[in-house]
């Protein structure tokens, strides 16, 4: 095997469907790619109740996202059936977000150190994987901070896509001004260390907000949900479904759904 490609399923497929007017053509192209010699394509999907783990920590997580349209659900279902008739693997772990599954797979596979791994998504959170050996990201823009500080950045500045509010009126300039304190800030939030936080030169309005106990706990929650959670190997293995290449079945399936 010369390469491993891991796809953030909903992220990639929804972008495909927006760019390609004829869905059958797009799905056929994806099917062909999944059968390229020497490559393993792994498509990862959110498991049932995938948001619950983070919502127990931070109740507002993704609460403002618009639900996916029903026709998109149907198209994704068809594509997943198409993948069953390819060499691709599909991974879905109940109770786990696809992001955590991908991060856990990448960490496990990168330990081999001999096969390049490419993660396909435009989700900025995957930038946290850039430090791993032979890991490449396709679609992820440069981060506004060092990758290993991305969780802290999003907790402080905010991330509207996940409804992470951050510290009120704490922007990129305030972040940059505290560069020499980033490690200590992260430690203090994790430890809910009010005395330690008080020693850091935040602006007055920011420190007043942070030192309010409920707000410091909110910061801790926002920091926690932005990090990847480790999916146990047993659950990863149980969630893997390997497909079998069969052009005839794939063709019949697409002709049935896309005349």
Protein backbone atom coordinates (compact mmCIF):
# COMPACT_ATOMS: atom_id res chain seq x y z
CA UNK A 1 0.00 0.00 0.00
CA UNK A 2 1.46 3.35 -1.07
CA UNK A 3 -1.03 5.81 0.45
CA UNK A 4 -3.99 6.12 2.81
CA UNK A 5 -6.73 8.68 2.21
CA UNK A 6 -9.19 9.45 5.00
CA UNK A 7 -12.33 11.41 4.14
CA UNK A 8 -14.56 13.45 6.43
CA UNK A 9 -17.67 11.95 4.84
CA UNK A 10 -20.42 14.55 5.21
CA UNK A 11 -17.97 17.43 4.77
CA UNK A 12 -16.54 16.14 1.48
CA UNK A 13 -19.71 14.76 -0.03
CA UNK A 14 -21.79 17.87 0.63
CA UNK A 15 -19.10 19.98 -1.03
CA UNK A 16 -19.10 17.56 -4.00
CA UNK A 17 -22.86 17.85 -4.39
CA UNK A 18 -22.67 21.65 -4.29
CA UNK A 19 -19.96 21.78 -6.98
CA UNK A 20 -21.13 19.00 -9.34
CA UNK A 21 -24.52 19.49 -10.94
CA UNK A 22 -25.03 15.87 -11.96
CA UNK A 23 -24.87 13.74 -8.82
CA UNK A 24 -24.46 10.42 -10.64
CA UNK A 25 -21.30 11.65 -12.39
CA UNK A 26 -19.84 12.83 -9.07
CA UNK A 27 -20.58 9.53 -7.32
CA UNK A 28 -19.09 7.53 -10.18
CA UNK A 29 -15.92 9.57 -9.98
CA UNK A 30 -15.67 8.95 -6.26
CA UNK A 31 -16.27 5.23 -6.78
CA UNK A 32 -13.45 5.04 -9.32
CA UNK A 33 -11.06 6.85 -6.98
CA UNK A 34 -11.83 4.39 -4.19
CA UNK A 35 -10.56 1.53 -6.38
CA UNK A 36 -7.21 3.02 -7.36
CA UNK A 37 -4.41 0.42 -7.04
CA UNK A 38 -2.13 0.70 -4.03
CA UNK A 39 -4.37 3.13 -2.15
CA UNK A 40 -6.75 2.69 0.76
CA UNK A 41 -9.69 5.08 0.94
CA UNK A 42 -11.42 5.36 4.30
CA UNK A 43 -14.70 7.26 4.57
CA UNK A 44 -15.71 8.28 8.09
CA UNK A 45 -19.23 9.18 9.21
CA UNK A 46 -20.75 10.57 12.39
CA UNK A 47 -22.14 7.86 14.64
CA UNK A 48 -25.61 7.81 16.17
CA UNK A 49 -25.98 10.47 18.88
CA UNK A 50 -22.54 11.77 17.93
CA UNK A 51 -23.04 15.21 19.48
CA UNK A 52 -24.13 13.95 22.89
CA UNK A 53 -20.62 13.56 24.34
CA UNK A 54 -19.76 17.20 23.77
CA UNK A 55 -23.22 18.48 24.65
CA UNK A 56 -22.88 16.97 28.13
CA UNK A 57 -19.81 19.19 28.56
CA UNK A 58 -21.04 22.28 26.70
CA UNK A 59 -24.80 22.34 26.21
CA UNK A 60 -24.72 24.98 23.43
CA UNK A 61 -22.46 22.91 21.16
CA UNK A 62 -23.57 23.28 17.51
CA UNK A 63 -26.99 24.46 18.68
CA UNK A 64 -27.30 27.06 15.91
CA UNK A 65 -26.53 24.78 12.96
CA UNK A 66 -29.16 24.42 10.26
CA UNK A 67 -30.32 20.79 9.92
CA UNK A 68 -29.27 19.03 6.73
CA UNK A 69 -31.91 18.99 3.99
CA UNK A 70 -33.70 15.65 3.50
CA UNK A 71 -32.57 15.32 -0.12
CA UNK A 72 -28.96 15.58 1.02
CA UNK A 73 -29.52 12.80 3.55
CA UNK A 74 -30.88 10.65 0.72
CA UNK A 75 -27.92 11.40 -1.56
CA UNK A 76 -25.43 10.57 1.18
CA UNK A 77 -27.27 7.29 1.84
CA UNK A 78 -26.96 6.36 -1.85
CA UNK A 79 -23.26 7.16 -1.86
CA UNK A 80 -22.69 5.00 1.20
CA UNK A 81 -24.36 2.15 -0.66
CA UNK A 82 -22.07 2.87 -3.61
CA UNK A 83 -19.05 2.59 -1.31
CA UNK A 84 -20.17 -0.90 -0.25
CA UNK A 85 -19.45 -1.93 -3.86
CA UNK A 86 -15.91 -0.47 -3.85
CA UNK A 87 -12.66 -1.32 -2.07
CA UNK A 88 -13.17 1.57 0.34
CA UNK A 89 -13.60 1.17 4.07
CA UNK A 90 -16.36 2.99 5.92
CA UNK A 91 -16.09 3.75 9.61
CA UNK A 92 -18.97 4.76 11.88
CA UNK A 93 -18.79 4.45 15.66
CA UNK A 94 -22.00 4.96 17.68
CA UNK A 95 -21.72 7.89 20.08
CA UNK A 96 -18.66 9.37 18.35
CA UNK A 97 -18.24 12.30 16.00
CA UNK A 98 -16.47 11.62 12.74
CA UNK A 99 -13.77 14.15 13.72
CA UNK A 100 -12.77 12.08 16.74
CA UNK A 101 -12.82 8.86 14.72
CA UNK A 102 -10.58 10.40 12.05
CA UNK A 103 -8.13 11.80 14.60
CA UNK A 104 -7.95 8.44 16.38
CA UNK A 105 -7.43 6.57 13.11
CA UNK A 106 -4.71 8.99 12.01
CA UNK A 107 -2.88 8.71 15.32
CA UNK A 108 -2.99 4.92 15.16
CA UNK A 109 -2.01 4.61 11.51
CA UNK A 110 0.75 7.24 11.70
CA UNK A 111 2.57 5.16 14.31
CA UNK A 112 3.61 2.84 11.48
CA UNK A 113 5.64 5.70 10.04
CA UNK A 114 5.89 4.22 6.55
CA UNK A 115 2.69 5.19 4.68
CA UNK A 116 1.62 8.78 3.94
CA UNK A 117 -1.85 9.65 5.22
CA UNK A 118 -3.98 12.42 3.72
CA UNK A 119 -7.03 13.76 5.55
CA UNK A 120 -9.60 15.33 3.21
CA UNK A 121 -11.77 18.05 4.79
CA UNK A 122 -11.93 21.82 5.17
CA UNK A 123 -12.54 21.55 8.94
CA UNK A 124 -9.89 23.67 10.66
CA UNK A 125 -9.85 21.38 13.71
CA UNK A 126 -7.80 18.82 11.76
CA UNK A 127 -4.87 21.25 11.80
CA UNK A 128 -4.14 19.78 15.24
CA UNK A 129 -2.89 16.65 13.40
CA UNK A 130 -0.19 18.46 11.41
CA UNK A 131 2.56 17.51 13.86
CA UNK A 132 2.12 13.77 13.24
CA UNK A 133 4.60 12.04 10.88
CA UNK A 134 3.61 11.63 7.21
CA UNK A 135 0.21 13.28 7.77
CA UNK A 136 -1.05 15.71 5.13
CA UNK A 137 -4.22 17.81 5.09
CA UNK A 138 -6.15 18.49 1.90
CA UNK A 139 -8.51 21.45 2.19
CA UNK A 140 -7.56 22.80 5.63
CA UNK A 141 -6.46 26.45 5.56
CA UNK A 142 -3.51 27.75 7.61
CA UNK A 143 -4.38 28.25 11.26
CA UNK A 144 -4.36 31.68 12.95
CA UNK A 145 -2.10 30.16 15.62
CA UNK A 146 0.28 27.20 16.10
CA UNK A 147 -1.71 23.98 15.51
CA UNK A 148 -1.15 22.73 19.06
CA UNK A 149 -2.77 25.93 20.37
CA UNK A 150 -5.84 25.78 18.14
CA UNK A 151 -8.15 24.50 20.88
CA UNK A 152 -7.10 27.34 23.19
CA UNK A 153 -7.48 29.91 20.41
CA UNK A 154 -11.03 28.80 19.65
CA UNK A 155 -11.96 28.72 23.34
CA UNK A 156 -10.77 32.31 23.85
CA UNK A 157 -11.66 33.93 20.51
CA UNK A 158 -14.70 31.78 19.70
CA UNK A 159 -15.88 29.67 16.78
CA UNK A 160 -19.38 30.46 15.42
CA UNK A 161 -19.55 27.21 13.41
CA UNK A 162 -19.63 25.19 16.65
CA UNK A 163 -21.36 27.94 18.67
CA UNK A 164 -18.27 28.44 20.84
CA UNK A 165 -18.75 31.98 22.11
CA UNK A 166 -15.28 32.61 23.54
CA UNK A 167 -14.50 35.59 25.78
CA UNK A 168 -16.67 38.62 24.88
CA UNK A 169 -14.77 41.05 22.59
CA UNK A 170 -11.58 38.95 22.75
CA UNK A 171 -10.22 38.97 19.21
CA UNK A 172 -7.06 38.00 17.31
CA UNK A 173 -5.13 41.07 18.51
CA UNK A 174 -5.82 40.25 22.16
CA UNK A 175 -4.73 36.69 21.44
CA UNK A 176 -1.44 37.76 19.87
CA UNK A 177 -0.67 40.15 22.74
CA UNK A 178 -0.66 37.21 25.16
CA UNK A 179 1.58 34.92 23.11
CA UNK A 180 4.14 34.38 25.89
CA UNK A 181 1.32 33.31 28.25
CA UNK A 182 -0.52 30.82 26.02
CA UNK A 183 0.78 27.72 27.80
CA UNK A 184 0.01 29.15 31.25
CA UNK A 185 -3.46 30.28 30.18
CA UNK A 186 -4.26 26.78 28.95
CA UNK A 187 -3.02 25.23 32.17
CA UNK A 188 -5.00 27.65 34.32
CA UNK A 189 -8.21 26.99 32.40
CA UNK A 190 -7.76 23.22 32.63
CA UNK A 191 -7.08 23.48 36.36
CA UNK A 192 -9.74 26.19 36.96
CA UNK A 193 -6.92 28.15 38.61
CA UNK A 194 -8.36 31.61 39.37
CA UNK A 195 -5.22 32.80 41.14
CA UNK A 196 -3.06 31.82 38.19
CA UNK A 197 -5.41 33.50 35.72
CA UNK A 198 -5.34 36.70 37.80
CA UNK A 199 -1.58 36.96 37.26
CA UNK A 200 -1.87 37.01 33.47
CA UNK A 201 -2.08 40.51 31.90
CA UNK A 202 -5.50 40.23 30.26
CA UNK A 203 -7.35 43.46 29.57
CA UNK A 204 -9.49 44.55 32.52
CA UNK A 205 -12.80 43.70 30.86
CA UNK A 206 -11.52 40.26 29.87
CA UNK A 207 -10.11 39.35 33.28
CA UNK A 208 -13.29 40.46 35.03
CA UNK A 209 -15.31 38.16 32.81
CA UNK A 210 -12.92 35.20 33.19
CA UNK A 211 -12.71 35.42 36.99
CA UNK A 212 -16.47 35.06 37.34
CA UNK A 213 -16.55 31.34 38.36
CA UNK A 214 -19.31 30.25 35.91
CA UNK A 215 -17.40 31.87 33.05
CA UNK A 216 -14.14 30.15 33.92
CA UNK A 217 -15.98 26.82 33.95
CA UNK A 218 -17.52 27.74 30.58
CA UNK A 219 -14.03 28.41 29.21
CA UNK A 220 -12.88 25.02 30.49
CA UNK A 221 -15.81 23.38 28.71
CA UNK A 222 -15.15 25.23 25.44
CA UNK A 223 -11.50 24.21 25.58
CA UNK A 224 -12.37 20.57 26.26
CA UNK A 225 -14.81 20.15 23.36
CA UNK A 226 -12.41 21.65 20.81
CA UNK A 227 -9.82 18.97 21.47
CA UNK A 228 -10.14 15.56 19.87
CA UNK A 229 -11.40 12.73 22.05
CA UNK A 230 -9.65 9.36 21.76
CA UNK A 231 -11.89 6.61 20.41
CA UNK A 232 -10.88 3.24 21.92
CA UNK A 233 -9.32 0.80 19.44
CA UNK A 234 -12.03 -1.76 20.15
CA UNK A 235 -14.74 0.70 19.09
CA UNK A 236 -12.77 1.80 16.03
CA UNK A 237 -12.34 -1.79 14.90
CA UNK A 238 -16.00 -2.57 15.52
CA UNK A 239 -17.05 0.41 13.38
CA UNK A 240 -15.08 -0.57 10.25
CA UNK A 241 -16.97 -1.92 7.26
CA UNK A 242 -14.89 -3.04 4.26
CA UNK A 243 -16.39 -2.87 0.80
CA UNK A 244 -15.98 -5.20 -2.17
CA UNK A 245 -15.39 -3.83 -5.66
CA UNK A 246 -18.30 -4.64 -7.95
CA UNK A 247 -18.89 -2.36 -10.94
CA UNK A 248 -22.14 -4.04 -11.94
CA UNK A 249 -23.83 -3.55 -8.59
CA UNK A 250 -22.59 0.03 -8.36
CA UNK A 251 -23.87 0.81 -11.87
CA UNK A 252 -27.26 -0.76 -11.22
CA UNK A 253 -27.62 1.16 -7.97
CA UNK A 254 -26.90 4.53 -9.54
CA UNK A 255 -29.13 3.84 -12.54
CA UNK A 256 -31.98 3.07 -10.15
CA UNK A 257 -31.62 6.34 -8.23
CA UNK A 258 -30.37 8.69 -10.98
CA UNK A 259 -32.14 8.00 -14.26
